[in-house]
Protein backbone atom coordinates (compact mmCIF):
# COMPACT_ATOMS: atom_id res chain seq x y z
CA MET A 1 -36.51 -21.76 54.81
CA SER A 2 -35.32 -20.55 58.35
CA THR A 3 -35.42 -16.87 59.18
CA GLN A 4 -32.11 -15.25 59.51
CA ILE A 5 -31.44 -11.81 60.88
CA ARG A 6 -28.93 -9.61 59.34
CA GLU A 7 -27.50 -6.75 61.85
CA LEU A 8 -26.87 -3.29 60.75
CA ASN A 9 -25.69 -0.59 63.07
CA VAL A 10 -25.94 2.95 61.81
CA ALA A 11 -25.41 4.78 65.06
CA GLY A 12 -23.75 8.13 64.20
CA VAL A 13 -25.07 8.04 60.63
CA PRO A 14 -27.18 11.20 60.10
CA ALA A 15 -30.42 11.24 58.27
CA PRO A 16 -31.38 10.39 55.60
CA PHE A 17 -28.31 8.33 55.01
CA TYR A 18 -29.18 5.90 57.89
CA VAL A 19 -32.53 5.09 56.17
CA LEU A 20 -30.49 4.88 52.64
CA ARG A 21 -28.23 2.24 54.32
CA ALA A 22 -31.05 0.27 55.71
CA LYS A 23 -32.85 0.39 52.32
CA GLN A 24 -29.74 -0.97 50.68
CA ALA A 25 -29.24 -3.75 53.32
CA LEU A 26 -32.84 -4.80 53.05
CA ASP A 27 -32.77 -4.90 49.29
CA GLY A 28 -30.05 -7.42 49.57
CA LEU A 29 -31.94 -9.74 51.68
CA PRO A 30 -34.34 -12.48 50.40
CA VAL A 31 -38.02 -11.95 50.87
CA GLY A 32 -39.28 -12.86 54.39
CA GLN A 33 -35.77 -12.22 56.14
CA ILE A 34 -35.27 -9.68 58.87
CA LEU A 35 -32.90 -6.67 59.12
CA ALA A 36 -32.17 -5.65 62.72
CA LEU A 37 -31.44 -1.98 62.43
CA THR A 38 -29.81 -0.10 65.28
CA THR A 39 -29.63 3.64 65.28
CA ASP A 40 -29.14 6.66 67.55
CA ALA A 41 -30.99 8.99 65.23
CA PRO A 42 -33.60 10.85 67.68
CA ASN A 43 -36.14 11.09 64.75
CA ALA A 44 -35.67 7.32 63.59
CA PRO A 45 -38.94 5.93 65.06
CA ARG A 46 -41.02 8.33 62.63
CA GLU A 47 -38.55 8.21 59.75
CA ILE A 48 -38.38 4.48 59.70
CA ARG A 49 -41.92 4.04 60.01
CA THR A 50 -42.76 6.43 57.18
CA TRP A 51 -39.99 4.78 54.90
CA LEU A 52 -41.48 1.25 55.61
CA GLU A 53 -45.23 2.26 54.98
CA HIS A 54 -44.06 3.67 51.41
CA ALA A 55 -41.80 0.65 50.75
CA GLY A 56 -44.30 -1.99 52.02
CA HIS A 57 -42.11 -3.84 54.38
CA GLN A 58 -43.23 -4.93 57.91
CA MET A 59 -41.90 -3.52 61.26
CA VAL A 60 -41.49 -6.57 63.46
CA SER A 61 -40.48 -4.66 66.63
CA ASN A 62 -39.36 -1.34 67.76
CA GLU A 63 -37.36 -0.92 70.98
CA ALA A 64 -35.60 2.04 72.48
CA SER A 65 -33.07 2.41 75.50
CA ALA A 66 -30.87 5.18 76.37
CA GLY A 67 -31.44 7.12 73.14
CA VAL A 68 -30.62 3.93 70.83
CA HIS A 69 -33.33 2.65 68.72
CA ARG A 70 -33.34 -1.20 67.48
CA PHE A 71 -35.89 -2.13 64.65
CA LEU A 72 -36.67 -5.50 63.50
CA ILE A 73 -37.85 -5.10 59.83
CA ARG A 74 -39.14 -8.09 57.75
CA ARG A 75 -38.59 -7.83 53.90
CA LEU A 76 -41.81 -8.32 52.06
């Protein structure tokens, strides 16, 4: 099975709703697939990392540029 990436842009969505939308999107993916999450929430790195630690999913990468964060998250 090839790994596909699903894009989800939640820029402008306030906390905790961008985390909820990310969870809903990730729940809809098969195990092993990647969610590319883009947000401009300033606390996103901490909030996303905390959520993933509790949910048991894998942070593949985390990049930030000009206040925009992009996370690649693998569903486990």
